[in-house]
């Protein structure tokens, strides 16, 4: 059983759009996920623009990858280091702690994560 940063069972991040490195809705990462897509974030317009400027377009649909493109308010499994980079720039989106894999803690400080905790509904 995969665990989240709260040391409880990892919850689904999103099935609409379907997220996760394995496109199973979970922010879990195996050895083949070099980006460590373990942070479940509720993306914001500011974050989407920030990551676009750094060469990662999460806005445009990519049907060949079954990717609809993201809009503010969507949940998505982000690379832990990209989330941390955005935090340092003052643009990190909120984090759904229950759906953020505990492997994130190898790259991001727990205190920083809880300061960005999402306060909305858990299921999506």
PDB file of N, CA and C in Angstrom:
ATOM      1  N   UNK A   1       0.841  -1.186   0.000  1.00  0.00           N
ATOM      2  CA  UNK A   1       0.000   0.000   0.000  1.00  0.00           C
ATOM      3  C   UNK A   1       0.887   1.251   0.000  1.00  0.00           C
ATOM      4  N   UNK A   2       0.643   2.126  -0.968  1.00  0.00           N
ATOM      5  CA  UNK A   2       1.368   3.395  -1.017  1.00  0.00           C
ATOM      6  C   UNK A   2       0.850   4.317   0.078  1.00  0.00           C
ATOM      7  N   UNK A   3       1.762   5.088   0.655  1.00  0.00           N
ATOM      8  CA  UNK A   3       1.402   6.019   1.729  1.00  0.00           C
ATOM      9  C   UNK A   3       1.589   7.458   1.268  1.00  0.00           C
ATOM     10  N   UNK A   4       0.831   8.346   1.886  1.00  0.00           N
ATOM     11  CA  UNK A   4       0.952   9.769   1.598  1.00  0.00           C
ATOM     12  C   UNK A   4       1.871  10.438   2.622  1.00  0.00           C
ATOM     13  N   UNK A   5       2.034  11.740   2.496  1.00  0.00           N
ATOM     14  CA  UNK A   5       2.927  12.475   3.393  1.00  0.00           C
ATOM     15  C   UNK A   5       2.408  12.535   4.823  1.00  0.00           C
ATOM     16  N   UNK A   6       1.149  12.171   5.033  1.00  0.00           N
ATOM     17  CA  UNK A   6       0.565  12.110   6.375  1.00  0.00           C
ATOM     18  C   UNK A   6       0.713  10.716   6.983  1.00  0.00           C
ATOM     19  N   UNK A   7       1.375   9.812   6.246  1.00  0.00           N
ATOM     20  CA  UNK A   7       1.629   8.423   6.640  1.00  0.00           C
ATOM     21  C   UNK A   7       0.340   7.606   6.740  1.00  0.00           C
ATOM     22  N   UNK A   8      -0.621   7.947   5.876  1.00  0.00           N
ATOM     23  CA  UNK A   8      -1.845   7.163   5.752  1.00  0.00           C
ATOM     24  C   UNK A   8      -1.946   6.710   4.298  1.00  0.00           C
ATOM     25  N   UNK A   9      -2.987   5.937   3.976  1.00  0.00           N
ATOM     26  CA  UNK A   9      -3.130   5.409   2.621  1.00  0.00           C
ATOM     27  C   UNK A   9      -3.229   6.526   1.587  1.00  0.00           C
ATOM     28  N   UNK A  10      -2.449   6.416   0.511  1.00  0.00           N
ATOM     29  CA  UNK A  10      -2.453   7.395  -0.565  1.00  0.00           C
ATOM     30  C   UNK A  10      -3.830   7.436  -1.228  1.00  0.00           C
ATOM     31  N   UNK A  11      -4.385   8.635  -1.344  1.00  0.00           N
ATOM     32  CA  UNK A  11      -5.699   8.836  -1.949  1.00  0.00           C
ATOM     33  C   UNK A  11      -5.553   9.213  -3.425  1.00  0.00           C
ATOM     34  N   UNK A  12      -6.632   9.058  -4.175  1.00  0.00           N
ATOM     35  CA  UNK A  12      -6.669   9.461  -5.583  1.00  0.00           C
ATOM     36  C   UNK A  12      -6.470  10.975  -5.671  1.00  0.00           C
ATOM     37  N   UNK A  13      -5.652  11.394  -6.607  1.00  0.00           N
ATOM     38  CA  UNK A  13      -5.476  12.829  -6.871  1.00  0.00           C
ATOM     39  C   UNK A  13      -6.560  13.293  -7.839  1.00  0.00           C
ATOM     40  N   UNK A  14      -6.641  12.635  -8.998  1.00  0.00           N
ATOM     41  CA  UNK A  14      -7.667  13.016  -9.973  1.00  0.00           C
ATOM     42  C   UNK A  14      -7.871  11.936 -11.022  1.00  0.00           C
ATOM     43  N   UNK A  15      -9.135  11.713 -11.352  1.00  0.00           N
ATOM     44  CA  UNK A  15      -9.495  10.867 -12.482  1.00  0.00           C
ATOM     45  C   UNK A  15     -10.059  11.700 -13.630  1.00  0.00           C
ATOM     46  N   UNK A  16     -10.290  12.999 -13.397  1.00  0.00           N
ATOM     47  CA  UNK A  16     -10.773  13.921 -14.425  1.00  0.00           C
ATOM     48  C   UNK A  16     -10.069  15.253 -14.250  1.00  0.00           C
ATOM     49  N   UNK A  17      -8.979  15.506 -14.925  1.00  0.00           N
ATOM     50  CA  UNK A  17      -8.302  14.605 -15.862  1.00  0.00           C
ATOM     51  C   UNK A  17      -7.543  13.510 -15.115  1.00  0.00           C
ATOM     52  N   UNK A  18      -7.366  12.373 -15.785  1.00  0.00           N
ATOM     53  CA  UNK A  18      -6.631  11.258 -15.180  1.00  0.00           C
ATOM     54  C   UNK A  18      -5.160  11.633 -15.098  1.00  0.00           C
ATOM     55  N   UNK A  19      -4.642  11.576 -13.902  1.00  0.00           N
ATOM     56  CA  UNK A  19      -3.275  12.028 -13.655  1.00  0.00           C
ATOM     57  C   UNK A  19      -2.400  10.893 -13.164  1.00  0.00           C
ATOM     58  N   UNK A  20      -1.194  11.231 -12.826  1.00  0.00           N
ATOM     59  CA  UNK A  20      -0.222  10.271 -12.314  1.00  0.00           C
ATOM     60  C   UNK A  20       0.709   9.790 -13.410  1.00  0.00           C
ATOM     61  N   UNK A  21       1.918   9.477 -13.045  1.00  0.00           N
ATOM     62  CA  UNK A  21       2.897   8.966 -14.003  1.00  0.00           C
ATOM     63  C   UNK A  21       2.357   7.738 -14.723  1.00  0.00           C
ATOM     64  N   UNK A  22       1.603   6.916 -13.984  1.00  0.00           N
ATOM     65  CA  UNK A  22       1.025   5.694 -14.554  1.00  0.00           C
ATOM     66  C   UNK A  22      -0.411   5.903 -15.044  1.00  0.00           C
ATOM     67  N   UNK A  23      -0.892   7.144 -15.019  1.00  0.00           N
ATOM     68  CA  UNK A  23      -2.248   7.506 -15.421  1.00  0.00           C
ATOM     69  C   UNK A  23      -3.303   6.635 -14.741  1.00  0.00           C
ATOM     70  N   UNK A  24      -3.091   6.445 -13.435  1.00  0.00           N
ATOM     71  CA  UNK A  24      -4.044   5.675 -12.634  1.00  0.00           C
ATOM     72  C   UNK A  24      -4.726   6.553 -11.584  1.00  0.00           C
ATOM     73  N   UNK A  25      -4.513   7.863 -11.666  1.00  0.00           N
ATOM     74  CA  UNK A  25      -5.125   8.798 -10.730  1.00  0.00           C
ATOM     75  C   UNK A  25      -4.318   9.034  -9.471  1.00  0.00           C
ATOM     76  N   UNK A  26      -3.262   8.250  -9.280  1.00  0.00           N
ATOM     77  CA  UNK A  26      -2.445   8.336  -8.072  1.00  0.00           C
ATOM     78  C   UNK A  26      -1.098   9.003  -8.351  1.00  0.00           C
ATOM     79  N   UNK A  27      -0.625   9.776  -7.388  1.00  0.00           N
ATOM     80  CA  UNK A  27       0.688  10.421  -7.505  1.00  0.00           C
ATOM     81  C   UNK A  27       1.756   9.515  -6.900  1.00  0.00           C
ATOM     82  N   UNK A  28       1.935   8.375  -7.526  1.00  0.00           N
ATOM     83  CA  UNK A  28       2.961   7.440  -7.061  1.00  0.00           C
ATOM     84  C   UNK A  28       4.029   7.356  -8.128  1.00  0.00           C
ATOM     85  N   UNK A  29       5.224   6.996  -7.704  1.00  0.00           N
ATOM     86  CA  UNK A  29       6.343   6.949  -8.634  1.00  0.00           C
ATOM     87  C   UNK A  29       7.155   5.695  -8.417  1.00  0.00           C
ATOM     88  N   UNK A  30       7.531   5.083  -9.514  1.00  0.00           N
ATOM     89  CA  UNK A  30       8.420   3.939  -9.474  1.00  0.00           C
ATOM     90  C   UNK A  30       9.782   4.362  -9.982  1.00  0.00           C
ATOM     91  N   UNK A  31      10.648   3.408 -10.141  1.00  0.00           N
ATOM     92  CA  UNK A  31      12.000   3.679 -10.594  1.00  0.00           C
ATOM     93  C   UNK A  31      12.068   4.270 -11.990  1.00  0.00           C
ATOM     94  N   UNK A  32      11.025   4.062 -12.801  1.00  0.00           N
ATOM     95  CA  UNK A  32      11.027   4.589 -14.160  1.00  0.00           C
ATOM     96  C   UNK A  32      10.507   6.026 -14.236  1.00  0.00           C
ATOM     97  N   UNK A  33      10.054   6.587 -13.131  1.00  0.00           N
ATOM     98  CA  UNK A  33       9.581   7.971 -13.101  1.00  0.00           C
ATOM     99  C   UNK A  33      10.722   8.872 -12.656  1.00  0.00           C
ATOM    100  N   UNK A  34      11.500   9.329 -13.602  1.00  0.00           N
ATOM    101  CA  UNK A  34      12.663  10.161 -13.283  1.00  0.00           C
ATOM    102  C   UNK A  34      12.272  11.542 -12.785  1.00  0.00           C
ATOM    103  N   UNK A  35      11.037  11.971 -13.037  1.00  0.00           N
ATOM    104  CA  UNK A  35      10.582  13.287 -12.595  1.00  0.00           C
ATOM    105  C   UNK A  35       9.963  13.304 -11.218  1.00  0.00           C
ATOM    106  N   UNK A  36       9.759  12.148 -10.616  1.00  0.00           N
ATOM    107  CA  UNK A  36       9.132  12.035  -9.296  1.00  0.00           C
ATOM    108  C   UNK A  36       7.815  12.819  -9.254  1.00  0.00           C
ATOM    109  N   UNK A  37       6.826  12.356 -10.018  1.00  0.00           N
ATOM    110  CA  UNK A  37       5.505  12.990 -10.117  1.00  0.00           C
ATOM    111  C   UNK A  37       4.653  12.609  -8.907  1.00  0.00           C
ATOM    112  N   UNK A  38       4.987  13.149  -7.747  1.00  0.00           N
ATOM    113  CA  UNK A  38       4.396  12.691  -6.492  1.00  0.00           C
ATOM    114  C   UNK A  38       3.602  13.744  -5.727  1.00  0.00           C
ATOM    115  N   UNK A  39       3.578  14.976  -6.207  1.00  0.00           N
ATOM    116  CA  UNK A  39       2.859  16.051  -5.519  1.00  0.00           C
ATOM    117  C   UNK A  39       1.497  16.248  -6.172  1.00  0.00           C
ATOM    118  N   UNK A  40       0.435  16.019  -5.420  1.00  0.00           N
ATOM    119  CA  UNK A  40      -0.924  16.275  -5.926  1.00  0.00           C
ATOM    120  C   UNK A  40      -1.245  17.743  -5.667  1.00  0.00           C
ATOM    121  N   UNK A  41      -1.312  18.511  -6.748  1.00  0.00           N
ATOM    122  CA  UNK A  41      -1.551  19.950  -6.632  1.00  0.00           C
ATOM    123  C   UNK A  41      -2.874  20.331  -7.285  1.00  0.00           C
ATOM    124  N   UNK A  42      -3.458  21.394  -6.772  1.00  0.00           N
ATOM    125  CA  UNK A  42      -4.615  22.021  -7.397  1.00  0.00           C
ATOM    126  C   UNK A  42      -4.029  23.203  -8.169  1.00  0.00           C
ATOM    127  N   UNK A  43      -3.895  23.038  -9.487  1.00  0.00           N
ATOM    128  CA  UNK A  43      -3.139  24.016 -10.258  1.00  0.00           C
ATOM    129  C   UNK A  43      -3.848  25.363 -10.330  1.00  0.00           C
ATOM    130  N   UNK A  44      -3.040  26.396 -10.375  1.00  0.00           N
ATOM    131  CA  UNK A  44      -3.523  27.772 -10.479  1.00  0.00           C
ATOM    132  C   UNK A  44      -3.070  28.352 -11.812  1.00  0.00           C
ATOM    133  N   UNK A  45      -3.707  29.414 -12.234  1.00  0.00           N
ATOM    134  CA  UNK A  45      -3.299  30.101 -13.472  1.00  0.00           C
ATOM    135  C   UNK A  45      -1.837  30.545 -13.367  1.00  0.00           C
ATOM    136  N   UNK A  46      -1.460  31.072 -12.216  1.00  0.00           N
ATOM    137  CA  UNK A  46      -0.085  31.546 -12.026  1.00  0.00           C
ATOM    138  C   UNK A  46       0.921  30.407 -12.177  1.00  0.00           C
ATOM    139  N   UNK A  47       0.595  29.257 -11.600  1.00  0.00           N
ATOM    140  CA  UNK A  47       1.508  28.123 -11.730  1.00  0.00           C
ATOM    141  C   UNK A  47       1.577  27.640 -13.172  1.00  0.00           C
ATOM    142  N   UNK A  48       0.429  27.545 -13.848  1.00  0.00           N
ATOM    143  CA  UNK A  48       0.414  27.074 -15.233  1.00  0.00           C
ATOM    144  C   UNK A  48       1.261  27.987 -16.130  1.00  0.00           C
ATOM    145  N   UNK A  49       1.185  29.280 -15.923  1.00  0.00           N
ATOM    146  CA  UNK A  49       1.999  30.214 -16.700  1.00  0.00           C
ATOM    147  C   UNK A  49       3.481  30.076 -16.341  1.00  0.00           C
ATOM    148  N   UNK A  50       3.741  29.906 -15.054  1.00  0.00           N
ATOM    149  CA  UNK A  50       5.127  29.745 -14.585  1.00  0.00           C
ATOM    150  C   UNK A  50       5.790  28.530 -15.229  1.00  0.00           C
ATOM    151  N   UNK A  51       5.130  27.394 -15.202  1.00  0.00           N
ATOM    152  CA  UNK A  51       5.729  26.178 -15.738  1.00  0.00           C
ATOM    153  C   UNK A  51       5.797  26.240 -17.278  1.00  0.00           C
ATOM    154  N   UNK A  52       4.829  26.917 -17.915  1.00  0.00           N
ATOM    155  CA  UNK A  52       4.879  27.123 -19.365  1.00  0.00           C
ATOM    156  C   UNK A  52       6.130  27.911 -19.749  1.00  0.00           C
ATOM    157  N   UNK A  53       6.427  28.947 -18.991  1.00  0.00           N
ATOM    158  CA  UNK A  53       7.608  29.770 -19.252  1.00  0.00           C
ATOM    159  C   UNK A  53       8.905  28.976 -19.093  1.00  0.00           C
ATOM    160  N   UNK A  54       8.848  27.872 -18.370  1.00  0.00           N
ATOM    161  CA  UNK A  54      10.023  27.030 -18.174  1.00  0.00           C
ATOM    162  C   UNK A  54      10.044  25.825 -19.114  1.00  0.00           C
ATOM    163  N   UNK A  55       9.153  25.848 -20.108  1.00  0.00           N
ATOM    164  CA  UNK A  55       9.174  24.827 -21.138  1.00  0.00           C
ATOM    165  C   UNK A  55       8.275  23.630 -20.916  1.00  0.00           C
ATOM    166  N   UNK A  56       7.430  23.650 -19.877  1.00  0.00           N
ATOM    167  CA  UNK A  56       6.517  22.539 -19.630  1.00  0.00           C
ATOM    168  C   UNK A  56       5.087  23.041 -19.802  1.00  0.00           C
ATOM    169  N   UNK A  57       4.541  22.847 -20.999  1.00  0.00           N
ATOM    170  CA  UNK A  57       3.203  23.316 -21.319  1.00  0.00           C
ATOM    171  C   UNK A  57       2.163  22.328 -20.803  1.00  0.00           C
ATOM    172  N   UNK A  58       1.510  22.683 -19.714  1.00  0.00           N
ATOM    173  CA  UNK A  58       0.443  21.861 -19.147  1.00  0.00           C
ATOM    174  C   UNK A  58      -0.937  22.386 -19.548  1.00  0.00           C
ATOM    175  N   UNK A  59      -0.969  23.416 -20.376  1.00  0.00           N
ATOM    176  CA  UNK A  59      -2.228  24.047 -20.768  1.00  0.00           C
ATOM    177  C   UNK A  59      -2.773  23.455 -22.067  1.00  0.00           C
ATOM    178  N   UNK A  60      -1.909  23.260 -23.046  1.00  0.00           N
ATOM    179  CA  UNK A  60      -2.342  22.802 -24.375  1.00  0.00           C
ATOM    180  C   UNK A  60      -2.700  21.321 -24.365  1.00  0.00           C
ATOM    181  N   UNK A  61      -3.841  20.975 -24.959  1.00  0.00           N
ATOM    182  CA  UNK A  61      -4.200  19.557 -25.085  1.00  0.00           C
ATOM    183  C   UNK A  61      -3.180  18.813 -25.942  1.00  0.00           C
ATOM    184  N   UNK A  62      -2.920  17.563 -25.579  1.00  0.00           N
ATOM    185  CA  UNK A  62      -2.034  16.685 -26.349  1.00  0.00           C
ATOM    186  C   UNK A  62      -2.742  15.349 -26.508  1.00  0.00           C
ATOM    187  N   UNK A  63      -3.669  15.273 -27.478  1.00  0.00           N
ATOM    188  CA  UNK A  63      -4.479  14.059 -27.642  1.00  0.00           C
ATOM    189  C   UNK A  63      -3.650  12.792 -27.839  1.00  0.00           C
ATOM    190  N   UNK A  64      -2.488  12.923 -28.457  1.00  0.00           N
ATOM    191  CA  UNK A  64      -1.648  11.739 -28.677  1.00  0.00           C
ATOM    192  C   UNK A  64      -1.159  11.117 -27.374  1.00  0.00           C
ATOM    193  N   UNK A  65      -1.205  11.890 -26.280  1.00  0.00           N
ATOM    194  CA  UNK A  65      -0.837  11.383 -24.955  1.00  0.00           C
ATOM    195  C   UNK A  65      -2.062  11.286 -24.039  1.00  0.00           C
ATOM    196  N   UNK A  66      -3.258  11.414 -24.623  1.00  0.00           N
ATOM    197  CA  UNK A  66      -4.499  11.391 -23.858  1.00  0.00           C
ATOM    198  C   UNK A  66      -4.469  12.461 -22.761  1.00  0.00           C
ATOM    199  N   UNK A  67      -3.956  13.639 -23.133  1.00  0.00           N
ATOM    200  CA  UNK A  67      -3.829  14.751 -22.191  1.00  0.00           C
ATOM    201  C   UNK A  67      -4.739  15.893 -22.649  1.00  0.00           C
ATOM    202  N   UNK A  68      -5.750  16.240 -21.842  1.00  0.00           N
ATOM    203  CA  UNK A  68      -6.726  17.251 -22.253  1.00  0.00           C
ATOM    204  C   UNK A  68      -6.254  18.696 -22.086  1.00  0.00           C
ATOM    205  N   UNK A  69      -5.122  18.902 -21.434  1.00  0.00           N
ATOM    206  CA  UNK A  69      -4.710  20.249 -21.060  1.00  0.00           C
ATOM    207  C   UNK A  69      -5.352  20.605 -19.733  1.00  0.00           C
ATOM    208  N   UNK A  70      -4.642  21.380 -18.930  1.00  0.00           N
ATOM    209  CA  UNK A  70      -5.136  21.716 -17.590  1.00  0.00           C
ATOM    210  C   UNK A  70      -5.686  23.126 -17.537  1.00  0.00           C
ATOM    211  N   UNK A  71      -6.639  23.302 -16.629  1.00  0.00           N
ATOM    212  CA  UNK A  71      -7.217  24.600 -16.335  1.00  0.00           C
ATOM    213  C   UNK A  71      -7.071  24.850 -14.832  1.00  0.00           C
ATOM    214  N   UNK A  72      -7.059  26.102 -14.415  1.00  0.00           N
ATOM    215  CA  UNK A  72      -7.014  26.379 -12.981  1.00  0.00           C
ATOM    216  C   UNK A  72      -8.104  25.604 -12.248  1.00  0.00           C
ATOM    217  N   UNK A  73      -7.723  25.015 -11.131  1.00  0.00           N
ATOM    218  CA  UNK A  73      -8.655  24.220 -10.335  1.00  0.00           C
ATOM    219  C   UNK A  73      -8.525  22.728 -10.569  1.00  0.00           C
ATOM    220  N   UNK A  74      -7.888  22.332 -11.696  1.00  0.00           N
ATOM    221  CA  UNK A  74      -7.652  20.904 -11.942  1.00  0.00           C
ATOM    222  C   UNK A  74      -6.601  20.388 -10.969  1.00  0.00           C
ATOM    223  N   UNK A  75      -6.731  19.119 -10.642  1.00  0.00           N
ATOM    224  CA  UNK A  75      -5.706  18.454  -9.825  1.00  0.00           C
ATOM    225  C   UNK A  75      -4.769  17.699 -10.741  1.00  0.00           C
ATOM    226  N   UNK A  76      -3.478  17.741 -10.417  1.00  0.00           N
ATOM    227  CA  UNK A  76      -2.484  17.101 -11.273  1.00  0.00           C
ATOM    228  C   UNK A  76      -1.286  16.682 -10.429  1.00  0.00           C
ATOM    229  N   UNK A  77      -0.707  15.545 -10.776  1.00  0.00           N
ATOM    230  CA  UNK A  77       0.506  15.074 -10.103  1.00  0.00           C
ATOM    231  C   UNK A  77       1.711  15.798 -10.693  1.00  0.00           C
ATOM    232  N   UNK A  78       2.302  16.656  -9.899  1.00  0.00           N
ATOM    233  CA  UNK A  78       3.451  17.439 -10.343  1.00  0.00           C
ATOM    234  C   UNK A  78       4.758  16.785  -9.921  1.00  0.00           C
ATOM    235  N   UNK A  79       5.804  17.105 -10.668  1.00  0.00           N
ATOM    236  CA  UNK A  79       7.156  16.719 -10.263  1.00  0.00           C
ATOM    237  C   UNK A  79       7.470  17.460  -8.961  1.00  0.00           C
ATOM    238  N   UNK A  80       7.982  16.740  -7.998  1.00  0.00           N
ATOM    239  CA  UNK A  80       8.264  17.335  -6.691  1.00  0.00           C
ATOM    240  C   UNK A  80       9.221  18.521  -6.800  1.00  0.00           C
ATOM    241  N   UNK A  81      10.254  18.393  -7.618  1.00  0.00           N
ATOM    242  CA  UNK A  81      11.218  19.492  -7.728  1.00  0.00           C
ATOM    243  C   UNK A  81      10.639  20.697  -8.464  1.00  0.00           C
ATOM    244  N   UNK A  82       9.719  20.491  -9.412  1.00  0.00           N
ATOM    245  CA  UNK A  82       9.073  21.645 -10.069  1.00  0.00           C
ATOM    246  C   UNK A  82       8.186  22.381  -9.075  1.00  0.00           C
ATOM    247  N   UNK A  83       7.471  21.619  -8.226  1.00  0.00           N
ATOM    248  CA  UNK A  83       6.646  22.265  -7.204  1.00  0.00           C
ATOM    249  C   UNK A  83       7.540  23.089  -6.272  1.00  0.00           C
ATOM    250  N   UNK A  84       8.655  22.512  -5.857  1.00  0.00           N
ATOM    251  CA  UNK A  84       9.581  23.219  -4.956  1.00  0.00           C
ATOM    252  C   UNK A  84      10.154  24.462  -5.636  1.00  0.00           C
ATOM    253  N   UNK A  85      10.494  24.344  -6.896  1.00  0.00           N
ATOM    254  CA  UNK A  85      10.994  25.498  -7.657  1.00  0.00           C
ATOM    255  C   UNK A  85       9.941  26.605  -7.682  1.00  0.00           C
ATOM    256  N   UNK A  86       8.699  26.242  -7.925  1.00  0.00           N
ATOM    257  CA  UNK A  86       7.605  27.216  -7.943  1.00  0.00           C
ATOM    258  C   UNK A  86       7.397  27.822  -6.558  1.00  0.00           C
ATOM    259  N   UNK A  87       7.547  27.022  -5.526  1.00  0.00           N
ATOM    260  CA  UNK A  87       7.409  27.547  -4.156  1.00  0.00           C
ATOM    261  C   UNK A  87       8.455  28.621  -3.900  1.00  0.00           C
ATOM    262  N   UNK A  88       9.679  28.345  -4.285  1.00  0.00           N
ATOM    263  CA  UNK A  88      10.755  29.314  -4.075  1.00  0.00           C
ATOM    264  C   UNK A  88      10.522  30.601  -4.867  1.00  0.00           C
ATOM    265  N   UNK A  89       9.793  30.488  -5.975  1.00  0.00           N
ATOM    266  CA  UNK A  89       9.451  31.657  -6.794  1.00  0.00           C
ATOM    267  C   UNK A  89       8.168  32.330  -6.309  1.00  0.00           C
ATOM    268  N   UNK A  90       7.528  31.771  -5.266  1.00  0.00           N
ATOM    269  CA  UNK A  90       6.290  32.334  -4.737  1.00  0.00           C
ATOM    270  C   UNK A  90       5.060  31.988  -5.561  1.00  0.00           C
ATOM    271  N   UNK A  91       5.124  30.885  -6.354  1.00  0.00           N
ATOM    272  CA  UNK A  91       4.030  30.540  -7.256  1.00  0.00           C
ATOM    273  C   UNK A  91       3.545  29.097  -7.119  1.00  0.00           C
ATOM    274  N   UNK A  92       3.854  28.458  -6.022  1.00  0.00           N
ATOM    275  CA  UNK A  92       3.451  27.062  -5.843  1.00  0.00           C
ATOM    276  C   UNK A  92       1.946  26.953  -5.640  1.00  0.00           C
ATOM    277  N   UNK A  93       1.329  25.974  -6.304  1.00  0.00           N
ATOM    278  CA  UNK A  93      -0.106  25.748  -6.108  1.00  0.00           C
ATOM    279  C   UNK A  93      -0.361  24.987  -4.806  1.00  0.00           C
ATOM    280  N   UNK A  94      -1.613  25.014  -4.328  1.00  0.00           N
ATOM    281  CA  UNK A  94      -1.966  24.243  -3.129  1.00  0.00           C
ATOM    282  C   UNK A  94      -1.738  22.744  -3.357  1.00  0.00           C
ATOM    283  N   UNK A  95      -1.493  22.048  -2.246  1.00  0.00           N
ATOM    284  CA  UNK A  95      -1.173  20.615  -2.275  1.00  0.00           C
ATOM    285  C   UNK A  95      -2.240  19.823  -1.525  1.00  0.00           C
ATOM    286  N   UNK A  96      -2.725  18.749  -2.157  1.00  0.00           N
ATOM    287  CA  UNK A  96      -3.646  17.826  -1.494  1.00  0.00           C
ATOM    288  C   UNK A  96      -2.771  16.807  -0.778  1.00  0.00           C
ATOM    289  N   UNK A  97      -2.574  17.005   0.520  1.00  0.00           N
ATOM    290  CA  UNK A  97      -1.636  16.176   1.291  1.00  0.00           C
ATOM    291  C   UNK A  97      -2.009  14.699   1.275  1.00  0.00           C
ATOM    292  N   UNK A  98      -3.307  14.415   1.341  1.00  0.00           N
ATOM    293  CA  UNK A  98      -3.772  13.029   1.382  1.00  0.00           C
ATOM    294  C   UNK A  98      -3.458  12.275   0.086  1.00  0.00           C
ATOM    295  N   UNK A  99      -3.231  13.017  -1.000  1.00  0.00           N
ATOM    296  CA  UNK A  99      -2.956  12.412  -2.307  1.00  0.00           C
ATOM    297  C   UNK A  99      -1.515  12.645  -2.763  1.00  0.00           C
ATOM    298  N   UNK A 100      -0.680  13.186  -1.891  1.00  0.00           N
ATOM    299  CA  UNK A 100       0.728  13.430  -2.201  1.00  0.00           C
ATOM    300  C   UNK A 100       1.564  12.307  -1.598  1.00  0.00           C
ATOM    301  N   UNK A 101       2.277  11.601  -2.461  1.00  0.00           N
ATOM    302  CA  UNK A 101       3.045  10.421  -2.041  1.00  0.00           C
ATOM    303  C   UNK A 101       4.163  10.810  -1.073  1.00  0.00           C
ATOM    304  N   UNK A 102       4.397   9.932  -0.103  1.00  0.00           N
ATOM    305  CA  UNK A 102       5.414  10.241   0.900  1.00  0.00           C
ATOM    306  C   UNK A 102       6.830  10.292   0.329  1.00  0.00           C
ATOM    307  N   UNK A 103       7.040   9.763  -0.860  1.00  0.00           N
ATOM    308  CA  UNK A 103       8.356   9.886  -1.496  1.00  0.00           C
ATOM    309  C   UNK A 103       8.711  11.355  -1.740  1.00  0.00           C
ATOM    310  N   UNK A 104       7.704  12.208  -1.803  1.00  0.00           N
ATOM    311  CA  UNK A 104       7.914  13.649  -1.956  1.00  0.00           C
ATOM    312  C   UNK A 104       8.831  14.182  -0.867  1.00  0.00           C
ATOM    313  N   UNK A 105       8.734  13.601   0.323  1.00  0.00           N
ATOM    314  CA  UNK A 105       9.505  14.097   1.464  1.00  0.00           C
ATOM    315  C   UNK A 105      11.012  13.894   1.294  1.00  0.00           C
ATOM    316  N   UNK A 106      11.422  13.123   0.292  1.00  0.00           N
ATOM    317  CA  UNK A 106      12.844  12.996  -0.022  1.00  0.00           C
ATOM    318  C   UNK A 106      13.363  14.260  -0.709  1.00  0.00           C
ATOM    319  N   UNK A 107      12.430  15.073  -1.249  1.00  0.00           N
ATOM    320  CA  UNK A 107      12.817  16.238  -2.041  1.00  0.00           C
ATOM    321  C   UNK A 107      12.261  17.564  -1.535  1.00  0.00           C
ATOM    322  N   UNK A 108      11.191  17.494  -0.736  1.00  0.00           N
ATOM    323  CA  UNK A 108      10.513  18.697  -0.263  1.00  0.00           C
ATOM    324  C   UNK A 108      10.307  18.583   1.241  1.00  0.00           C
ATOM    325  N   UNK A 109      10.515  19.683   1.936  1.00  0.00           N
ATOM    326  CA  UNK A 109      10.353  19.726   3.387  1.00  0.00           C
ATOM    327  C   UNK A 109       8.873  19.620   3.768  1.00  0.00           C
ATOM    328  N   UNK A 110       8.569  18.778   4.734  1.00  0.00           N
ATOM    329  CA  UNK A 110       7.191  18.561   5.186  1.00  0.00           C
ATOM    330  C   UNK A 110       6.527  19.864   5.640  1.00  0.00           C
ATOM    331  N   UNK A 111       7.247  20.681   6.358  1.00  0.00           N
ATOM    332  CA  UNK A 111       6.701  21.958   6.853  1.00  0.00           C
ATOM    333  C   UNK A 111       6.263  22.838   5.688  1.00  0.00           C
ATOM    334  N   UNK A 112       7.068  22.860   4.624  1.00  0.00           N
ATOM    335  CA  UNK A 112       6.703  23.649   3.448  1.00  0.00           C
ATOM    336  C   UNK A 112       5.414  23.116   2.823  1.00  0.00           C
ATOM    337  N   UNK A 113       5.303  21.800   2.729  1.00  0.00           N
ATOM    338  CA  UNK A 113       4.099  21.201   2.142  1.00  0.00           C
ATOM    339  C   UNK A 113       2.846  21.561   2.920  1.00  0.00           C
ATOM    340  N   UNK A 114       2.887  21.429   4.238  1.00  0.00           N
ATOM    341  CA  UNK A 114       1.667  21.678   5.009  1.00  0.00           C
ATOM    342  C   UNK A 114       1.256  23.150   4.969  1.00  0.00           C
ATOM    343  N   UNK A 115       2.212  24.036   4.730  1.00  0.00           N
ATOM    344  CA  UNK A 115       1.856  25.453   4.591  1.00  0.00           C
ATOM    345  C   UNK A 115       1.036  25.706   3.327  1.00  0.00           C
ATOM    346  N   UNK A 116       1.099  24.784   2.366  1.00  0.00           N
ATOM    347  CA  UNK A 116       0.360  24.910   1.110  1.00  0.00           C
ATOM    348  C   UNK A 116      -0.806  23.925   1.035  1.00  0.00           C
ATOM    349  N   UNK A 117      -1.202  23.382   2.163  1.00  0.00           N
ATOM    350  CA  UNK A 117      -2.253  22.367   2.182  1.00  0.00           C
ATOM    351  C   UNK A 117      -3.566  22.884   1.615  1.00  0.00           C
ATOM    352  N   UNK A 118      -4.144  22.098   0.715  1.00  0.00           N
ATOM    353  CA  UNK A 118      -5.454  22.375   0.114  1.00  0.00           C
ATOM    354  C   UNK A 118      -6.518  22.198   1.171  1.00  0.00           C
ATOM    355  N   UNK A 119      -7.444  23.122   1.256  1.00  0.00           N
ATOM    356  CA  UNK A 119      -8.494  23.076   2.274  1.00  0.00           C
ATOM    357  C   UNK A 119      -9.862  22.720   1.694  1.00  0.00           C
ATOM    358  N   UNK A 120      -9.895  22.341   0.421  1.00  0.00           N
ATOM    359  CA  UNK A 120     -11.165  22.024  -0.234  1.00  0.00           C
ATOM    360  C   UNK A 120     -11.510  20.550  -0.090  1.00  0.00           C
ATOM    361  N   UNK A 121     -12.456  20.082  -0.900  1.00  0.00           N
ATOM    362  CA  UNK A 121     -12.877  18.668  -0.829  1.00  0.00           C
ATOM    363  C   UNK A 121     -11.743  17.726  -1.232  1.00  0.00           C
ATOM    364  N   UNK A 122     -11.752  16.535  -0.630  1.00  0.00           N
ATOM    365  CA  UNK A 122     -10.703  15.563  -0.879  1.00  0.00           C
ATOM    366  C   UNK A 122     -10.879  14.846  -2.209  1.00  0.00           C
ATOM    367  N   UNK A 123     -12.051  14.323  -2.453  1.00  0.00           N
ATOM    368  CA  UNK A 123     -12.289  13.505  -3.663  1.00  0.00           C
ATOM    369  C   UNK A 123     -12.499  14.385  -4.886  1.00  0.00           C
ATOM    370  N   UNK A 124     -12.037  13.879  -6.001  1.00  0.00           N
ATOM    371  CA  UNK A 124     -12.214  14.601  -7.273  1.00  0.00           C
ATOM    372  C   UNK A 124     -12.488  13.602  -8.360  1.00  0.00           C
TER     373      UNK A 124
END
